[in-house]
Amino acid sequence: MIAFIDESGDFELKNINPAYPVCAQCALTCTVNEYLANAVPNLMGVKYSFFGNECVVMHGHKIRKKSGDFHILRDEAVHKEFMEAIAWSIDKLDGCLIVAAVNKPRHVNQYIKPEDPFFLSLQFLLERLNMHWAKELKAGERLLCVFEMRGATEDKRTRAWFDEICAGRNHRSEVFNFDADFRPKDQNVIGHQYADLVAYAACRFVETNDGNRQDWKAVKGKLRKVGGRLEGHGLKIFP
């Protein structure tokens, strides 16, 4: 089993950007066989269809800005076709998506000493990954959590918090059988590219509560559900 984790938004509480007040971490989680059979070839196919190679990194910010390799999206017809192809690749994913989002203005207003949003979203995400896989992991098996690198200082802090949460600093004081790995964006990890796109869509949904957003419609169906319920399972919103 494997989980690719990426984030959207910044986790700053002192100077909250009113244009982007929500931050989130997202995981695409599945078996390695599912990842290789569907997630990788499907997004590779989109890359070859639009760019003629597999080297382009699907980075949500550049896609929205239509910059760099994504300048082709300035043609509205190409943009529409491209976004439909991305939505198709997400829809065909095996496994599931899990998002933990923090509404920063509400968090600051509700708590005298608000917890770091990155820690909170990481804790919520790992707890749900554990709930998802706990019964599937056999003796000796572990879930590999692959993070996208954010910088030496940030990655060191993420590793420390990851270890604390997995050791029992979580809601049920459980030990999670997880391992962590960190990979830079330029390694072109397909799982991180899915997580990046999904995290942004979730942030905007949490901010606006607009269920008609096309990006939200594309990802909602692949989020983890328990008993048909999405809230609190595939999408954790705090507070």
C-alpha atoms as a PDB file:
ATOM      1  CA  MET A   1       0.000   0.000   0.000  1.00  0.00           C
ATOM      2  CA  ILE A   2       1.156   3.526  -0.743  1.00  0.00           C
ATOM      3  CA  ALA A   3      -0.024   7.105  -0.197  1.00  0.00           C
ATOM      4  CA  PHE A   4       1.163  10.153  -2.127  1.00  0.00           C
ATOM      5  CA  ILE A   5       0.738  13.337  -0.075  1.00  0.00           C
ATOM      6  CA  ASP A   6       0.774  16.942  -1.254  1.00  0.00           C
ATOM      7  CA  GLU A   7      -0.723  20.202  -0.055  1.00  0.00           C
ATOM      8  CA  SER A   8      -2.408  23.335  -1.317  1.00  0.00           C
ATOM      9  CA  GLY A   9      -2.370  26.807   0.183  1.00  0.00           C
ATOM     10  CA  ASP A  10      -0.017  28.156   2.821  1.00  0.00           C
ATOM     11  CA  PHE A  11      -0.166  27.296   6.512  1.00  0.00           C
ATOM     12  CA  GLU A  12       0.511  30.802   7.848  1.00  0.00           C
ATOM     13  CA  LEU A  13      -1.841  32.060  10.565  1.00  0.00           C
ATOM     14  CA  LYS A  14      -0.409  35.516  11.233  1.00  0.00           C
ATOM     15  CA  ASN A  15      -1.037  36.930   7.774  1.00  0.00           C
ATOM     16  CA  ILE A  16      -3.913  35.030   6.217  1.00  0.00           C
ATOM     17  CA  ASN A  17      -4.382  35.677   2.524  1.00  0.00           C
ATOM     18  CA  PRO A  18      -8.074  36.584   2.090  1.00  0.00           C
ATOM     19  CA  ALA A  19      -7.886  35.342  -1.496  1.00  0.00           C
ATOM     20  CA  TYR A  20      -6.899  31.854  -0.302  1.00  0.00           C
ATOM     21  CA  PRO A  21      -7.949  31.348   3.344  1.00  0.00           C
ATOM     22  CA  VAL A  22      -8.043  27.535   3.328  1.00  0.00           C
ATOM     23  CA  CYS A  23      -5.111  25.125   3.374  1.00  0.00           C
ATOM     24  CA  ALA A  24      -5.230  21.379   2.914  1.00  0.00           C
ATOM     25  CA  GLN A  25      -3.247  18.196   2.587  1.00  0.00           C
ATOM     26  CA  CYS A  26      -4.362  15.467   0.229  1.00  0.00           C
ATOM     27  CA  ALA A  27      -3.439  11.823  -0.203  1.00  0.00           C
ATOM     28  CA  LEU A  28      -3.942   9.538  -3.153  1.00  0.00           C
ATOM     29  CA  THR A  29      -3.792   6.086  -1.593  1.00  0.00           C
ATOM     30  CA  CYS A  30      -3.974   2.679  -3.252  1.00  0.00           C
ATOM     31  CA  THR A  31      -2.000  -0.507  -3.709  1.00  0.00           C
ATOM     32  CA  VAL A  32       1.184  -0.295  -5.729  1.00  0.00           C
ATOM     33  CA  ASN A  33      -0.366  -2.572  -8.371  1.00  0.00           C
ATOM     34  CA  GLU A  34      -3.374  -0.260  -8.705  1.00  0.00           C
ATOM     35  CA  TYR A  35      -1.077   2.735  -8.976  1.00  0.00           C
ATOM     36  CA  LEU A  36       0.992   1.192 -11.751  1.00  0.00           C
ATOM     37  CA  ALA A  37      -2.012  -0.208 -13.618  1.00  0.00           C
ATOM     38  CA  ASN A  38      -4.149   2.937 -13.717  1.00  0.00           C
ATOM     39  CA  ALA A  39      -2.887   6.144 -12.107  1.00  0.00           C
ATOM     40  CA  VAL A  40       0.467   6.221 -13.886  1.00  0.00           C
ATOM     41  CA  PRO A  41      -0.521   5.248 -17.445  1.00  0.00           C
ATOM     42  CA  ASN A  42      -3.676   7.367 -17.448  1.00  0.00           C
ATOM     43  CA  LEU A  43      -1.895  10.604 -16.574  1.00  0.00           C
ATOM     44  CA  MET A  44       1.005   9.673 -18.836  1.00  0.00           C
ATOM     45  CA  GLY A  45      -1.506   9.346 -21.655  1.00  0.00           C
ATOM     46  CA  VAL A  46      -2.816  12.854 -20.980  1.00  0.00           C
ATOM     47  CA  LYS A  47       0.746  14.201 -21.068  1.00  0.00           C
ATOM     48  CA  TYR A  48       1.550  12.578 -24.397  1.00  0.00           C
ATOM     49  CA  SER A  49      -1.769  13.678 -25.892  1.00  0.00           C
ATOM     50  CA  PHE A  50      -1.210  17.359 -25.094  1.00  0.00           C
ATOM     51  CA  PHE A  51       2.565  17.798 -24.805  1.00  0.00           C
ATOM     52  CA  GLY A  52       4.063  14.892 -26.741  1.00  0.00           C
ATOM     53  CA  ASN A  53       6.200  13.732 -23.824  1.00  0.00           C
ATOM     54  CA  GLU A  54       5.998  12.547 -20.212  1.00  0.00           C
ATOM     55  CA  CYS A  55       8.372  15.144 -18.731  1.00  0.00           C
ATOM     56  CA  VAL A  56       5.782  17.842 -18.053  1.00  0.00           C
ATOM     57  CA  VAL A  57       4.885  18.039 -14.358  1.00  0.00           C
ATOM     58  CA  MET A  58       1.167  18.615 -13.848  1.00  0.00           C
ATOM     59  CA  HIS A  59       1.403  21.548 -11.460  1.00  0.00           C
ATOM     60  CA  GLY A  60      -1.926  23.089 -10.562  1.00  0.00           C
ATOM     61  CA  HIS A  61      -0.638  26.640 -10.143  1.00  0.00           C
ATOM     62  CA  LYS A  62       0.988  26.676 -13.585  1.00  0.00           C
ATOM     63  CA  ILE A  63      -2.105  25.090 -15.134  1.00  0.00           C
ATOM     64  CA  ARG A  64      -4.302  27.843 -13.688  1.00  0.00           C
ATOM     65  CA  LYS A  65      -1.843  30.536 -14.808  1.00  0.00           C
ATOM     66  CA  LYS A  66      -1.474  28.846 -18.215  1.00  0.00           C
ATOM     67  CA  SER A  67       2.262  29.428 -17.957  1.00  0.00           C
ATOM     68  CA  GLY A  68       5.304  27.497 -19.159  1.00  0.00           C
ATOM     69  CA  ASP A  69       4.341  24.281 -20.909  1.00  0.00           C
ATOM     70  CA  PHE A  70       0.719  25.091 -20.186  1.00  0.00           C
ATOM     71  CA  HIS A  71       0.617  28.131 -22.456  1.00  0.00           C
ATOM     72  CA  ILE A  72      -1.298  25.902 -24.880  1.00  0.00           C
ATOM     73  CA  LEU A  73      -4.271  26.217 -22.528  1.00  0.00           C
ATOM     74  CA  ARG A  74      -4.739  29.846 -23.565  1.00  0.00           C
ATOM     75  CA  ASP A  75      -6.712  28.353 -26.444  1.00  0.00           C
ATOM     76  CA  GLU A  76     -10.126  27.868 -24.846  1.00  0.00           C
ATOM     77  CA  ALA A  77     -10.906  24.755 -26.878  1.00  0.00           C
ATOM     78  CA  VAL A  78      -7.635  23.120 -25.837  1.00  0.00           C
ATOM     79  CA  HIS A  79      -8.205  24.191 -22.235  1.00  0.00           C
ATOM     80  CA  LYS A  80     -11.645  22.601 -22.162  1.00  0.00           C
ATOM     81  CA  GLU A  81     -10.351  19.367 -23.682  1.00  0.00           C
ATOM     82  CA  PHE A  82      -7.393  19.298 -21.286  1.00  0.00           C
ATOM     83  CA  MET A  83      -9.531  19.762 -18.172  1.00  0.00           C
ATOM     84  CA  GLU A  84     -11.889  17.037 -19.348  1.00  0.00           C
ATOM     85  CA  ALA A  85      -8.888  14.729 -19.793  1.00  0.00           C
ATOM     86  CA  ILE A  86      -7.661  15.498 -16.260  1.00  0.00           C
ATOM     87  CA  ALA A  87     -11.142  14.850 -14.863  1.00  0.00           C
ATOM     88  CA  TRP A  88     -11.232  11.540 -16.759  1.00  0.00           C
ATOM     89  CA  SER A  89      -7.862  10.455 -15.340  1.00  0.00           C
ATOM     90  CA  ILE A  90      -9.039  11.214 -11.794  1.00  0.00           C
ATOM     91  CA  ASP A  91     -12.321   9.384 -12.353  1.00  0.00           C
ATOM     92  CA  LYS A  92     -10.443   6.262 -13.492  1.00  0.00           C
ATOM     93  CA  LEU A  93      -8.256   6.111 -10.381  1.00  0.00           C
ATOM     94  CA  ASP A  94      -8.308   2.977  -8.280  1.00  0.00           C
ATOM     95  CA  GLY A  95      -7.923   3.385  -4.538  1.00  0.00           C
ATOM     96  CA  CYS A  96      -9.244   6.601  -3.044  1.00  0.00           C
ATOM     97  CA  LEU A  97      -8.505  10.212  -2.188  1.00  0.00           C
ATOM     98  CA  ILE A  98      -8.455  11.706   1.301  1.00  0.00           C
ATOM     99  CA  VAL A  99      -8.337  15.435   2.086  1.00  0.00           C
ATOM    100  CA  ALA A 100      -7.858  17.242   5.402  1.00  0.00           C
ATOM    101  CA  ALA A 101      -8.564  20.979   5.186  1.00  0.00           C
ATOM    102  CA  VAL A 102      -8.254  23.832   7.685  1.00  0.00           C
ATOM    103  CA  ASN A 103     -10.316  26.994   7.394  1.00  0.00           C
ATOM    104  CA  LYS A 104      -7.718  29.366   8.858  1.00  0.00           C
ATOM    105  CA  PRO A 105      -9.926  32.388   9.704  1.00  0.00           C
ATOM    106  CA  ARG A 106     -12.397  30.169  11.581  1.00  0.00           C
ATOM    107  CA  HIS A 107      -9.520  28.355  13.287  1.00  0.00           C
ATOM    108  CA  VAL A 108      -7.984  31.607  14.542  1.00  0.00           C
ATOM    109  CA  ASN A 109     -11.345  32.985  15.682  1.00  0.00           C
ATOM    110  CA  GLN A 110     -12.329  29.817  17.533  1.00  0.00           C
ATOM    111  CA  TYR A 111      -9.148  29.087  19.496  1.00  0.00           C
ATOM    112  CA  ILE A 112      -7.075  31.284  21.796  1.00  0.00           C
ATOM    113  CA  LYS A 113      -3.923  29.328  20.924  1.00  0.00           C
ATOM    114  CA  PRO A 114      -4.640  27.782  17.531  1.00  0.00           C
ATOM    115  CA  GLU A 115      -2.604  24.700  16.590  1.00  0.00           C
ATOM    116  CA  ASP A 116      -0.344  24.834  13.544  1.00  0.00           C
ATOM    117  CA  PRO A 117      -2.559  24.106  10.500  1.00  0.00           C
ATOM    118  CA  PHE A 118       0.079  21.908   8.882  1.00  0.00           C
ATOM    119  CA  PHE A 119       0.281  19.689  11.960  1.00  0.00           C
ATOM    120  CA  LEU A 120      -3.497  19.529  12.263  1.00  0.00           C
ATOM    121  CA  SER A 121      -4.099  18.642   8.633  1.00  0.00           C
ATOM    122  CA  LEU A 122      -1.298  16.052   8.755  1.00  0.00           C
ATOM    123  CA  GLN A 123      -2.757  14.467  11.881  1.00  0.00           C
ATOM    124  CA  PHE A 124      -6.258  14.327  10.403  1.00  0.00           C
ATOM    125  CA  LEU A 125      -4.910  12.882   7.153  1.00  0.00           C
ATOM    126  CA  LEU A 126      -2.803  10.169   8.800  1.00  0.00           C
ATOM    127  CA  GLU A 127      -5.667   9.196  11.098  1.00  0.00           C
ATOM    128  CA  ARG A 128      -7.909   8.607   8.096  1.00  0.00           C
ATOM    129  CA  LEU A 129      -5.224   6.733   6.222  1.00  0.00           C
ATOM    130  CA  ASN A 130      -4.905   4.466   9.246  1.00  0.00           C
ATOM    131  CA  MET A 131      -8.652   3.924   9.434  1.00  0.00           C
ATOM    132  CA  HIS A 132      -8.684   3.121   5.730  1.00  0.00           C
ATOM    133  CA  TRP A 133      -5.837   0.586   5.753  1.00  0.00           C
ATOM    134  CA  ALA A 134      -5.680  -0.804   9.313  1.00  0.00           C
ATOM    135  CA  LYS A 135      -7.677  -3.945   8.504  1.00  0.00           C
ATOM    136  CA  GLU A 136      -5.860  -4.478   5.199  1.00  0.00           C
ATOM    137  CA  LEU A 137      -2.287  -4.337   6.504  1.00  0.00           C
ATOM    138  CA  LYS A 138      -1.072  -7.834   7.302  1.00  0.00           C
ATOM    139  CA  ALA A 139       1.545  -8.642   9.928  1.00  0.00           C
ATOM    140  CA  GLY A 140       4.783  -6.885   9.031  1.00  0.00           C
ATOM    141  CA  GLU A 141       3.238  -4.757   6.271  1.00  0.00           C
ATOM    142  CA  ARG A 142       3.508  -0.978   6.378  1.00  0.00           C
ATOM    143  CA  LEU A 143       1.983   1.915   4.471  1.00  0.00           C
ATOM    144  CA  LEU A 144       4.538   4.057   2.651  1.00  0.00           C
ATOM    145  CA  CYS A 145       3.645   7.766   2.771  1.00  0.00           C
ATOM    146  CA  VAL A 146       5.472   9.672   0.029  1.00  0.00           C
ATOM    147  CA  PHE A 147       5.615  13.432   0.646  1.00  0.00           C
ATOM    148  CA  GLU A 148       6.584  16.086  -1.849  1.00  0.00           C
ATOM    149  CA  MET A 149       9.591  18.035  -0.591  1.00  0.00           C
ATOM    150  CA  ARG A 150       8.918  21.594   0.606  1.00  0.00           C
ATOM    151  CA  GLY A 151      12.400  22.612   1.807  1.00  0.00           C
ATOM    152  CA  ALA A 152      14.970  21.296   4.281  1.00  0.00           C
ATOM    153  CA  THR A 153      13.476  23.012   7.328  1.00  0.00           C
ATOM    154  CA  GLU A 154       9.885  22.179   6.417  1.00  0.00           C
ATOM    155  CA  ASP A 155      10.699  18.549   5.598  1.00  0.00           C
ATOM    156  CA  LYS A 156      12.555  18.072   8.889  1.00  0.00           C
ATOM    157  CA  ARG A 157       9.528  19.391  10.765  1.00  0.00           C
ATOM    158  CA  THR A 158       7.144  17.235   8.725  1.00  0.00           C
ATOM    159  CA  ARG A 159       9.235  14.143   9.486  1.00  0.00           C
ATOM    160  CA  ALA A 160       9.252  14.937  13.214  1.00  0.00           C
ATOM    161  CA  TRP A 161       5.488  15.492  13.300  1.00  0.00           C
ATOM    162  CA  PHE A 162       4.896  12.394  11.181  1.00  0.00           C
ATOM    163  CA  ASP A 163       6.888  10.295  13.643  1.00  0.00           C
ATOM    164  CA  GLU A 164       5.054  11.790  16.641  1.00  0.00           C
ATOM    165  CA  ILE A 165       1.614  11.225  15.135  1.00  0.00           C
ATOM    166  CA  CYS A 166       2.418   7.655  14.093  1.00  0.00           C
ATOM    167  CA  ALA A 167       3.842   6.922  17.550  1.00  0.00           C
ATOM    168  CA  GLY A 168       0.560   7.844  19.237  1.00  0.00           C
ATOM    169  CA  ARG A 169       0.017  11.610  19.119  1.00  0.00           C
ATOM    170  CA  ASN A 170      -3.373  11.146  17.498  1.00  0.00           C
ATOM    171  CA  HIS A 171      -7.046  11.044  18.426  1.00  0.00           C
ATOM    172  CA  ARG A 172      -7.065   7.384  19.535  1.00  0.00           C
ATOM    173  CA  SER A 173      -3.454   7.212  20.757  1.00  0.00           C
ATOM    174  CA  GLU A 174      -2.816   4.440  18.259  1.00  0.00           C
ATOM    175  CA  VAL A 175       0.450   3.379  16.658  1.00  0.00           C
ATOM    176  CA  PHE A 176       0.333   3.670  12.863  1.00  0.00           C
ATOM    177  CA  ASN A 177       2.419   1.217  10.839  1.00  0.00           C
ATOM    178  CA  PHE A 178       3.554   3.907   8.403  1.00  0.00           C
ATOM    179  CA  ASP A 179       6.878   4.889   6.862  1.00  0.00           C
ATOM    180  CA  ALA A 180       7.740   8.266   5.299  1.00  0.00           C
ATOM    181  CA  ASP A 181       9.656   9.148   2.153  1.00  0.00           C
ATOM    182  CA  PHE A 182      10.269  12.573   0.580  1.00  0.00           C
ATOM    183  CA  ARG A 183      10.633  13.293  -3.138  1.00  0.00           C
ATOM    184  CA  PRO A 184      11.232  16.592  -4.993  1.00  0.00           C
ATOM    185  CA  LYS A 185       8.761  17.923  -7.539  1.00  0.00           C
ATOM    186  CA  ASP A 186      11.265  17.556 -10.373  1.00  0.00           C
ATOM    187  CA  GLN A 187      11.237  13.774  -9.950  1.00  0.00           C
ATOM    188  CA  ASN A 188       7.846  13.945 -11.666  1.00  0.00           C
ATOM    189  CA  VAL A 189       6.016  11.646  -9.232  1.00  0.00           C
ATOM    190  CA  ILE A 190       2.609  10.952 -10.760  1.00  0.00           C
ATOM    191  CA  GLY A 191       0.897  10.408  -7.401  1.00  0.00           C
ATOM    192  CA  HIS A 192       1.920  13.855  -6.198  1.00  0.00           C
ATOM    193  CA  GLN A 193       0.474  15.459  -9.305  1.00  0.00           C
ATOM    194  CA  TYR A 194      -2.930  13.932  -8.637  1.00  0.00           C
ATOM    195  CA  ALA A 195      -2.744  15.011  -4.980  1.00  0.00           C
ATOM    196  CA  ASP A 196      -1.784  18.576  -5.960  1.00  0.00           C
ATOM    197  CA  LEU A 197      -4.765  18.966  -8.289  1.00  0.00           C
ATOM    198  CA  VAL A 198      -7.221  17.442  -5.825  1.00  0.00           C
ATOM    199  CA  ALA A 199      -6.018  19.494  -2.837  1.00  0.00           C
ATOM    200  CA  TYR A 200      -6.642  22.761  -4.692  1.00  0.00           C
ATOM    201  CA  ALA A 201     -10.147  21.727  -5.735  1.00  0.00           C
ATOM    202  CA  ALA A 202     -10.942  20.753  -2.145  1.00  0.00           C
ATOM    203  CA  CYS A 203      -9.603  24.045  -0.755  1.00  0.00           C
ATOM    204  CA  ARG A 204     -11.810  26.058  -3.066  1.00  0.00           C
ATOM    205  CA  PHE A 205     -14.842  23.926  -2.221  1.00  0.00           C
ATOM    206  CA  VAL A 206     -14.258  24.352   1.523  1.00  0.00           C
ATOM    207  CA  GLU A 207     -13.880  28.105   1.034  1.00  0.00           C
ATOM    208  CA  THR A 208     -16.908  28.656  -1.190  1.00  0.00           C
ATOM    209  CA  ASN A 209     -19.151  25.642  -0.451  1.00  0.00           C
ATOM    210  CA  ASP A 210     -19.853  25.670  -4.177  1.00  0.00           C
ATOM    211  CA  GLY A 211     -20.672  22.100  -5.146  1.00  0.00           C
ATOM    212  CA  ASN A 212     -21.069  23.139  -8.780  1.00  0.00           C
ATOM    213  CA  ARG A 213     -17.393  23.902  -9.323  1.00  0.00           C
ATOM    214  CA  GLN A 214     -16.156  21.721 -12.170  1.00  0.00           C
ATOM    215  CA  ASP A 215     -12.907  20.824 -10.407  1.00  0.00           C
ATOM    216  CA  TRP A 216     -14.831  19.739  -7.308  1.00  0.00           C
ATOM    217  CA  LYS A 217     -17.222  17.618  -9.355  1.00  0.00           C
ATOM    218  CA  ALA A 218     -14.205  15.894 -10.914  1.00  0.00           C
ATOM    219  CA  VAL A 219     -12.751  14.787  -7.566  1.00  0.00           C
ATOM    220  CA  LYS A 220     -15.748  14.362  -5.258  1.00  0.00           C
ATOM    221  CA  GLY A 221     -16.618  10.883  -6.505  1.00  0.00           C
ATOM    222  CA  LYS A 222     -13.166   9.490  -5.735  1.00  0.00           C
ATOM    223  CA  LEU A 223     -12.982  10.726  -2.129  1.00  0.00           C
ATOM    224  CA  ARG A 224     -13.159   8.080   0.598  1.00  0.00           C
ATOM    225  CA  LYS A 225     -16.627   7.310   1.899  1.00  0.00           C
ATOM    226  CA  VAL A 226     -17.845   5.255   4.838  1.00  0.00           C
ATOM    227  CA  GLY A 227     -21.480   4.174   4.783  1.00  0.00           C
ATOM    228  CA  GLY A 228     -21.944   6.506   1.838  1.00  0.00           C
ATOM    229  CA  ARG A 229     -20.753   9.480   3.907  1.00  0.00           C
ATOM    230  CA  LEU A 230     -17.976  11.691   2.615  1.00  0.00           C
ATOM    231  CA  GLU A 231     -17.769  14.268   5.418  1.00  0.00           C
ATOM    232  CA  GLY A 232     -15.257  13.343   8.080  1.00  0.00           C
ATOM    233  CA  HIS A 233     -14.017  10.373   6.094  1.00  0.00           C
ATOM    234  CA  GLY A 234     -12.736  11.424   2.676  1.00  0.00           C
ATOM    235  CA  LEU A 235     -13.026  15.127   3.461  1.00  0.00           C
ATOM    236  CA  LYS A 236     -12.169  16.356   6.940  1.00  0.00           C
ATOM    237  CA  ILE A 237     -12.826  20.053   7.449  1.00  0.00           C
ATOM    238  CA  PHE A 238     -11.568  21.820  10.571  1.00  0.00           C
ATOM    239  CA  PRO A 239     -12.926  23.498  12.549  1.00  0.00           C
END
